[in-house]
Amino acid sequence: MVDYKIVHQLPGRIKIHLPLIKGLSVEKLKLLADRLFADFELPDGIKKVRPNPITGNVVIEYDPNKIDIFLFLEELRLRIKDLDINSFLKN
């Protein structure tokens, strides 16, 4: 299961802790993003996504009038779950 925790939230900005990314190199982080979004574009309401592999946090800036951030997070969680994360992290 892919777990995340909401660290902080304001309308238009949410910070989540995603242990999966903690300690990843920039190359691995880019590869993960490429795999996650290979056939999926970020919705219009998402303005910026800033992952931090040092802390394991991800800050997402969004337009609350255009997107339900919780539905987006659930879709993202399911996409991560569908990846073979263990083999991805070993390579």
Foldseek 3Di string as FASTA:
>chain_A
DFDKAWPDDDQQKTKIAGLLLAPDDPVLVVVLVCQLPVPHDDDPFWDDWDADNNRRMIMTGGHNVRDDVVVVVVVSSVSSVPDPSVVSVVD
